[in-house]
Amino acid sequence: MRGPDRRVVVARLLEERGALLLVTGLGSPTYDAAAAGDHDANFYLWGAMGGAAMIGLGLAIAQPSRPVLVLTGDGEQLMGLGALATIGARGPRNLSIVVLDNGLYGETGMQPSHTSLGVGLAAIASAASFGWSEEVSDLAAIGALRARIHRLEGPGFAAVHIARDEVPRVMPTRDGVALKNRFRAALGLATN
């Protein structure tokens, strides 16, 4: 089954973002967020595969009044399954995780991931006591998903089934210090 285009999904999720803080997982989610428009409140990960959800948890705890979105891929989230249990146990209402699930390990050669073999990430999040968990495969549902993220009903989780197409990379800066400093400045924190 062909899902919606990943770039369109991400652009719609990031429309009217307001106070939203964004953490992107390794690879394509970072390129997708940059393609939707670079933003000072985007924190791009260039490594630490499997760590996006936990960085999002720390950010959600530190900024409880702001919506925090972790945008990652199925391969990256599969490497961090234990994070879902910790997030469910902690229960931050302002944290949502959206997994762009194409059933492939896109950054290592498009090999089938475990989600293409029947592993249901949304079901795992639900079992880990997330406030809400859903699977999305229709572009028309993205507006409702965006609204849910901003209502702070979390922790929330959505596995968005996307097309398997490879799209051109849109590269934001890879300078980790610059990314950290601009993100801290967006939060009104000192940058030194």
C-alpha atoms as a PDB file:
ATOM      1  CA  MET A   1       0.000   0.000   0.000  1.00  0.00           C
ATOM      2  CA  ARG A   2       1.367   3.390  -0.990  1.00  0.00           C
ATOM      3  CA  GLY A   3       1.193   5.999   1.767  1.00  0.00           C
ATOM      4  CA  PRO A   4       1.362   9.776   1.485  1.00  0.00           C
ATOM      5  CA  ASP A   5       4.510  11.648   0.498  1.00  0.00           C
ATOM      6  CA  ARG A   6       6.749  12.179   3.536  1.00  0.00           C
ATOM      7  CA  ARG A   7       7.542  15.805   2.674  1.00  0.00           C
ATOM      8  CA  VAL A   8       3.869  16.713   2.443  1.00  0.00           C
ATOM      9  CA  VAL A   9       3.166  14.962   5.763  1.00  0.00           C
ATOM     10  CA  VAL A  10       5.962  16.836   7.548  1.00  0.00           C
ATOM     11  CA  ALA A  11       5.069  20.193   6.003  1.00  0.00           C
ATOM     12  CA  ARG A  12       1.477  19.788   7.223  1.00  0.00           C
ATOM     13  CA  LEU A  13       2.564  18.710  10.703  1.00  0.00           C
ATOM     14  CA  LEU A  14       4.720  21.824  11.009  1.00  0.00           C
ATOM     15  CA  GLU A  15       2.123  24.317   9.723  1.00  0.00           C
ATOM     16  CA  GLU A  16       1.013  26.899  12.267  1.00  0.00           C
ATOM     17  CA  ARG A  17       3.530  25.477  14.700  1.00  0.00           C
ATOM     18  CA  GLY A  18       3.328  28.265  17.267  1.00  0.00           C
ATOM     19  CA  ALA A  19       5.348  27.297  20.360  1.00  0.00           C
ATOM     20  CA  LEU A  20       6.134  23.778  19.085  1.00  0.00           C
ATOM     21  CA  LEU A  21       9.622  22.454  19.824  1.00  0.00           C
ATOM     22  CA  LEU A  22      10.876  19.854  17.343  1.00  0.00           C
ATOM     23  CA  VAL A  23      13.457  17.094  17.773  1.00  0.00           C
ATOM     24  CA  THR A  24      14.240  15.130  14.626  1.00  0.00           C
ATOM     25  CA  GLY A  25      15.677  11.663  14.428  1.00  0.00           C
ATOM     26  CA  LEU A  26      18.643  10.649  12.366  1.00  0.00           C
ATOM     27  CA  GLY A  27      18.487  11.084   8.591  1.00  0.00           C
ATOM     28  CA  SER A  28      15.356  11.612   6.552  1.00  0.00           C
ATOM     29  CA  PRO A  29      13.167  13.199   9.271  1.00  0.00           C
ATOM     30  CA  THR A  30      15.857  15.880   9.610  1.00  0.00           C
ATOM     31  CA  TYR A  31      15.903  16.450   5.847  1.00  0.00           C
ATOM     32  CA  ASP A  32      12.086  16.555   5.796  1.00  0.00           C
ATOM     33  CA  ALA A  33      11.906  19.135   8.590  1.00  0.00           C
ATOM     34  CA  ALA A  34      14.545  21.286   6.895  1.00  0.00           C
ATOM     35  CA  ALA A  35      12.636  21.046   3.610  1.00  0.00           C
ATOM     36  CA  ALA A  36       9.498  22.286   5.402  1.00  0.00           C
ATOM     37  CA  GLY A  37      11.462  25.339   6.547  1.00  0.00           C
ATOM     38  CA  ASP A  38      14.386  25.606   8.901  1.00  0.00           C
ATOM     39  CA  HIS A  39      13.382  26.999  12.291  1.00  0.00           C
ATOM     40  CA  ASP A  40      15.288  28.048  15.405  1.00  0.00           C
ATOM     41  CA  ALA A  41      13.121  25.678  17.481  1.00  0.00           C
ATOM     42  CA  ASN A  42      14.214  22.650  15.412  1.00  0.00           C
ATOM     43  CA  PHE A  43      16.796  20.443  17.106  1.00  0.00           C
ATOM     44  CA  TYR A  44      18.301  18.160  14.478  1.00  0.00           C
ATOM     45  CA  LEU A  45      20.097  14.998  15.527  1.00  0.00           C
ATOM     46  CA  TRP A  46      23.077  14.004  13.419  1.00  0.00           C
ATOM     47  CA  GLY A  47      23.868  10.874  15.361  1.00  0.00           C
ATOM     48  CA  ALA A  48      22.655   9.046  18.451  1.00  0.00           C
ATOM     49  CA  MET A  49      20.403   6.698  16.479  1.00  0.00           C
ATOM     50  CA  GLY A  50      17.641   5.559  18.791  1.00  0.00           C
ATOM     51  CA  GLY A  51      17.979   8.598  21.059  1.00  0.00           C
ATOM     52  CA  ALA A  52      15.449  11.074  19.630  1.00  0.00           C
ATOM     53  CA  ALA A  53      12.569  10.006  21.886  1.00  0.00           C
ATOM     54  CA  MET A  54      14.648  10.341  25.057  1.00  0.00           C
ATOM     55  CA  ILE A  55      15.916  13.776  24.038  1.00  0.00           C
ATOM     56  CA  GLY A  56      12.289  14.708  23.448  1.00  0.00           C
ATOM     57  CA  LEU A  57      11.383  13.416  26.912  1.00  0.00           C
ATOM     58  CA  GLY A  58      14.044  15.551  28.570  1.00  0.00           C
ATOM     59  CA  LEU A  59      12.905  18.583  26.622  1.00  0.00           C
ATOM     60  CA  ALA A  60       9.244  17.962  27.475  1.00  0.00           C
ATOM     61  CA  ILE A  61      10.088  17.730  31.180  1.00  0.00           C
ATOM     62  CA  ALA A  62      12.153  20.934  30.997  1.00  0.00           C
ATOM     63  CA  GLN A  63       9.504  22.850  28.981  1.00  0.00           C
ATOM     64  CA  PRO A  64       6.168  21.504  30.287  1.00  0.00           C
ATOM     65  CA  SER A  65       4.000  24.292  28.856  1.00  0.00           C
ATOM     66  CA  ARG A  66       5.229  23.878  25.266  1.00  0.00           C
ATOM     67  CA  PRO A  67       4.308  21.101  22.859  1.00  0.00           C
ATOM     68  CA  VAL A  68       7.298  18.914  22.004  1.00  0.00           C
ATOM     69  CA  LEU A  69       7.279  16.810  18.858  1.00  0.00           C
ATOM     70  CA  VAL A  70       9.776  14.059  18.140  1.00  0.00           C
ATOM     71  CA  LEU A  71       9.760  13.361  14.418  1.00  0.00           C
ATOM     72  CA  THR A  72      11.646  10.206  13.565  1.00  0.00           C
ATOM     73  CA  GLY A  73      11.695   7.150  11.346  1.00  0.00           C
ATOM     74  CA  ASP A  74      10.732   3.560  12.008  1.00  0.00           C
ATOM     75  CA  GLY A  75      14.345   2.349  12.008  1.00  0.00           C
ATOM     76  CA  GLU A  76      15.464   4.984  14.512  1.00  0.00           C
ATOM     77  CA  GLN A  77      12.494   4.307  16.806  1.00  0.00           C
ATOM     78  CA  LEU A  78      13.034   0.555  16.626  1.00  0.00           C
ATOM     79  CA  MET A  79      16.515   1.139  18.066  1.00  0.00           C
ATOM     80  CA  GLY A  80      14.971   3.039  20.978  1.00  0.00           C
ATOM     81  CA  LEU A  81      12.025   0.849  21.970  1.00  0.00           C
ATOM     82  CA  GLY A  82      12.895   1.045  25.658  1.00  0.00           C
ATOM     83  CA  ALA A  83      12.358   4.798  25.499  1.00  0.00           C
ATOM     84  CA  LEU A  84       8.659   4.214  24.915  1.00  0.00           C
ATOM     85  CA  ALA A  85       8.327   2.445  28.282  1.00  0.00           C
ATOM     86  CA  THR A  86      10.139   5.260  30.081  1.00  0.00           C
ATOM     87  CA  ILE A  87       8.009   7.916  28.369  1.00  0.00           C
ATOM     88  CA  GLY A  88       4.804   6.029  29.162  1.00  0.00           C
ATOM     89  CA  ALA A  89       5.816   5.686  32.809  1.00  0.00           C
ATOM     90  CA  ARG A  90       6.741   9.385  33.107  1.00  0.00           C
ATOM     91  CA  GLY A  91       3.633  10.533  31.209  1.00  0.00           C
ATOM     92  CA  PRO A  92       4.519  14.006  29.875  1.00  0.00           C
ATOM     93  CA  ARG A  93       1.322  15.479  28.433  1.00  0.00           C
ATOM     94  CA  ASN A  94       3.248  17.799  26.122  1.00  0.00           C
ATOM     95  CA  LEU A  95       5.272  15.114  24.308  1.00  0.00           C
ATOM     96  CA  SER A  96       4.241  13.504  21.027  1.00  0.00           C
ATOM     97  CA  ILE A  97       6.228  11.135  18.854  1.00  0.00           C
ATOM     98  CA  VAL A  98       5.468  10.852  15.159  1.00  0.00           C
ATOM     99  CA  VAL A  99       7.206   8.014  13.356  1.00  0.00           C
ATOM    100  CA  LEU A 100       7.466   8.291   9.586  1.00  0.00           C
ATOM    101  CA  ASP A 101       7.098   4.596   8.819  1.00  0.00           C
ATOM    102  CA  ASN A 102       8.043   3.407   5.354  1.00  0.00           C
ATOM    103  CA  GLY A 103       9.030  -0.054   6.564  1.00  0.00           C
ATOM    104  CA  LEU A 104      12.632   0.527   5.491  1.00  0.00           C
ATOM    105  CA  TYR A 105      16.006   1.391   6.965  1.00  0.00           C
ATOM    106  CA  GLY A 106      16.413   4.361   4.651  1.00  0.00           C
ATOM    107  CA  GLU A 107      19.812   5.567   5.812  1.00  0.00           C
ATOM    108  CA  THR A 108      21.590   2.238   5.371  1.00  0.00           C
ATOM    109  CA  GLY A 109      20.354   1.091   1.976  1.00  0.00           C
ATOM    110  CA  MET A 110      16.558   0.682   2.100  1.00  0.00           C
ATOM    111  CA  GLN A 111      16.550  -2.763   3.719  1.00  0.00           C
ATOM    112  CA  PRO A 112      13.183  -3.874   5.168  1.00  0.00           C
ATOM    113  CA  SER A 113      12.720  -2.808   8.790  1.00  0.00           C
ATOM    114  CA  HIS A 114      10.857  -4.797  11.405  1.00  0.00           C
ATOM    115  CA  THR A 115       7.702  -2.748  10.802  1.00  0.00           C
ATOM    116  CA  SER A 116       7.521  -4.267   7.313  1.00  0.00           C
ATOM    117  CA  LEU A 117       7.602  -7.650   9.058  1.00  0.00           C
ATOM    118  CA  GLY A 118       4.605  -6.941  11.298  1.00  0.00           C
ATOM    119  CA  VAL A 119       6.001  -5.046  14.297  1.00  0.00           C
ATOM    120  CA  GLY A 120       3.412  -2.432  15.279  1.00  0.00           C
ATOM    121  CA  LEU A 121       5.048   0.598  16.867  1.00  0.00           C
ATOM    122  CA  ALA A 122       1.691   2.219  17.705  1.00  0.00           C
ATOM    123  CA  ALA A 123       0.633  -0.939  19.538  1.00  0.00           C
ATOM    124  CA  ILE A 124       3.909  -0.917  21.490  1.00  0.00           C
ATOM    125  CA  ALA A 125       3.331   2.719  22.502  1.00  0.00           C
ATOM    126  CA  SER A 126      -0.209   1.882  23.583  1.00  0.00           C
ATOM    127  CA  ALA A 127       1.059  -1.029  25.679  1.00  0.00           C
ATOM    128  CA  ALA A 128       3.603   1.365  27.224  1.00  0.00           C
ATOM    129  CA  SER A 129       0.751   3.509  28.621  1.00  0.00           C
ATOM    130  CA  PHE A 130       0.851   6.387  26.161  1.00  0.00           C
ATOM    131  CA  GLY A 131      -2.157   8.689  26.490  1.00  0.00           C
ATOM    132  CA  TRP A 132      -2.991   8.112  22.846  1.00  0.00           C
ATOM    133  CA  SER A 133      -1.545   6.037  20.050  1.00  0.00           C
ATOM    134  CA  GLU A 134      -2.649   5.728  16.451  1.00  0.00           C
ATOM    135  CA  GLU A 135      -1.703   4.611  12.983  1.00  0.00           C
ATOM    136  CA  VAL A 136      -2.198   7.040  10.130  1.00  0.00           C
ATOM    137  CA  SER A 137      -2.057   6.203   6.452  1.00  0.00           C
ATOM    138  CA  ASP A 138      -4.147   8.996   4.949  1.00  0.00           C
ATOM    139  CA  LEU A 139      -2.965  12.524   4.317  1.00  0.00           C
ATOM    140  CA  ALA A 140      -6.396  13.855   5.273  1.00  0.00           C
ATOM    141  CA  ALA A 141      -5.761  12.762   8.894  1.00  0.00           C
ATOM    142  CA  ILE A 142      -2.608  14.879   9.324  1.00  0.00           C
ATOM    143  CA  GLY A 143      -4.486  18.087  10.252  1.00  0.00           C
ATOM    144  CA  ALA A 144      -6.285  16.301  13.096  1.00  0.00           C
ATOM    145  CA  LEU A 145      -2.986  14.774  14.215  1.00  0.00           C
ATOM    146  CA  ARG A 146      -1.347  18.221  14.272  1.00  0.00           C
ATOM    147  CA  ALA A 147      -4.208  19.599  16.376  1.00  0.00           C
ATOM    148  CA  ARG A 148      -3.921  16.699  18.807  1.00  0.00           C
ATOM    149  CA  ILE A 149      -0.196  17.355  19.272  1.00  0.00           C
ATOM    150  CA  HIS A 150      -0.906  20.988  20.182  1.00  0.00           C
ATOM    151  CA  ARG A 151      -3.661  20.075  22.694  1.00  0.00           C
ATOM    152  CA  LEU A 152      -1.067  18.479  25.016  1.00  0.00           C
ATOM    153  CA  GLU A 153      -2.975  15.204  25.420  1.00  0.00           C
ATOM    154  CA  GLY A 154       0.125  13.065  25.565  1.00  0.00           C
ATOM    155  CA  PRO A 155       2.234  11.357  25.748  1.00  0.00           C
ATOM    156  CA  GLY A 156       1.077  10.656  22.239  1.00  0.00           C
ATOM    157  CA  PHE A 157       2.314   8.459  19.440  1.00  0.00           C
ATOM    158  CA  ALA A 158       1.480   8.199  15.757  1.00  0.00           C
ATOM    159  CA  ALA A 159       2.951   5.845  13.204  1.00  0.00           C
ATOM    160  CA  VAL A 160       2.393   7.594   9.880  1.00  0.00           C
ATOM    161  CA  HIS A 161       2.686   5.123   7.023  1.00  0.00           C
ATOM    162  CA  ILE A 162       4.415   6.954   4.184  1.00  0.00           C
ATOM    163  CA  ALA A 163       5.464   6.207   0.622  1.00  0.00           C
ATOM    164  CA  ARG A 164       8.744   4.358   0.155  1.00  0.00           C
ATOM    165  CA  ASP A 165      10.094   6.941  -2.297  1.00  0.00           C
ATOM    166  CA  GLU A 166      13.553   8.353  -1.782  1.00  0.00           C
ATOM    167  CA  VAL A 167      13.510  12.135  -1.905  1.00  0.00           C
ATOM    168  CA  PRO A 168      16.391  14.596  -2.295  1.00  0.00           C
ATOM    169  CA  ARG A 169      18.182  15.556   0.889  1.00  0.00           C
ATOM    170  CA  VAL A 170      17.716  19.060   2.244  1.00  0.00           C
ATOM    171  CA  MET A 171      20.598  19.577   4.623  1.00  0.00           C
ATOM    172  CA  PRO A 172      20.394  21.972   7.536  1.00  0.00           C
ATOM    173  CA  THR A 173      23.600  22.891   9.285  1.00  0.00           C
ATOM    174  CA  ARG A 174      25.539  20.005  10.778  1.00  0.00           C
ATOM    175  CA  ASP A 175      27.319  22.259  13.270  1.00  0.00           C
ATOM    176  CA  GLY A 176      26.213  20.803  16.600  1.00  0.00           C
ATOM    177  CA  VAL A 177      27.343  23.792  18.659  1.00  0.00           C
ATOM    178  CA  ALA A 178      25.488  26.224  16.389  1.00  0.00           C
ATOM    179  CA  LEU A 179      22.331  24.070  16.559  1.00  0.00           C
ATOM    180  CA  LYS A 180      22.524  23.874  20.356  1.00  0.00           C
ATOM    181  CA  ASN A 181      23.095  27.617  20.705  1.00  0.00           C
ATOM    182  CA  ARG A 182      20.284  28.667  18.394  1.00  0.00           C
ATOM    183  CA  PHE A 183      17.888  26.203  20.069  1.00  0.00           C
ATOM    184  CA  ARG A 184      18.817  27.531  23.521  1.00  0.00           C
ATOM    185  CA  ALA A 185      18.361  31.095  22.270  1.00  0.00           C
ATOM    186  CA  ALA A 186      14.899  30.152  20.931  1.00  0.00           C
ATOM    187  CA  LEU A 187      14.082  28.976  24.468  1.00  0.00           C
ATOM    188  CA  GLY A 188      15.381  32.221  25.971  1.00  0.00           C
ATOM    189  CA  LEU A 189      18.347  30.466  27.602  1.00  0.00           C
ATOM    190  CA  ALA A 190      21.999  31.480  27.726  1.00  0.00           C
ATOM    191  CA  THR A 191      24.075  30.163  24.843  1.00  0.00           C
ATOM    192  CA  ASN A 192      27.541  30.003  26.406  1.00  0.00           C
END
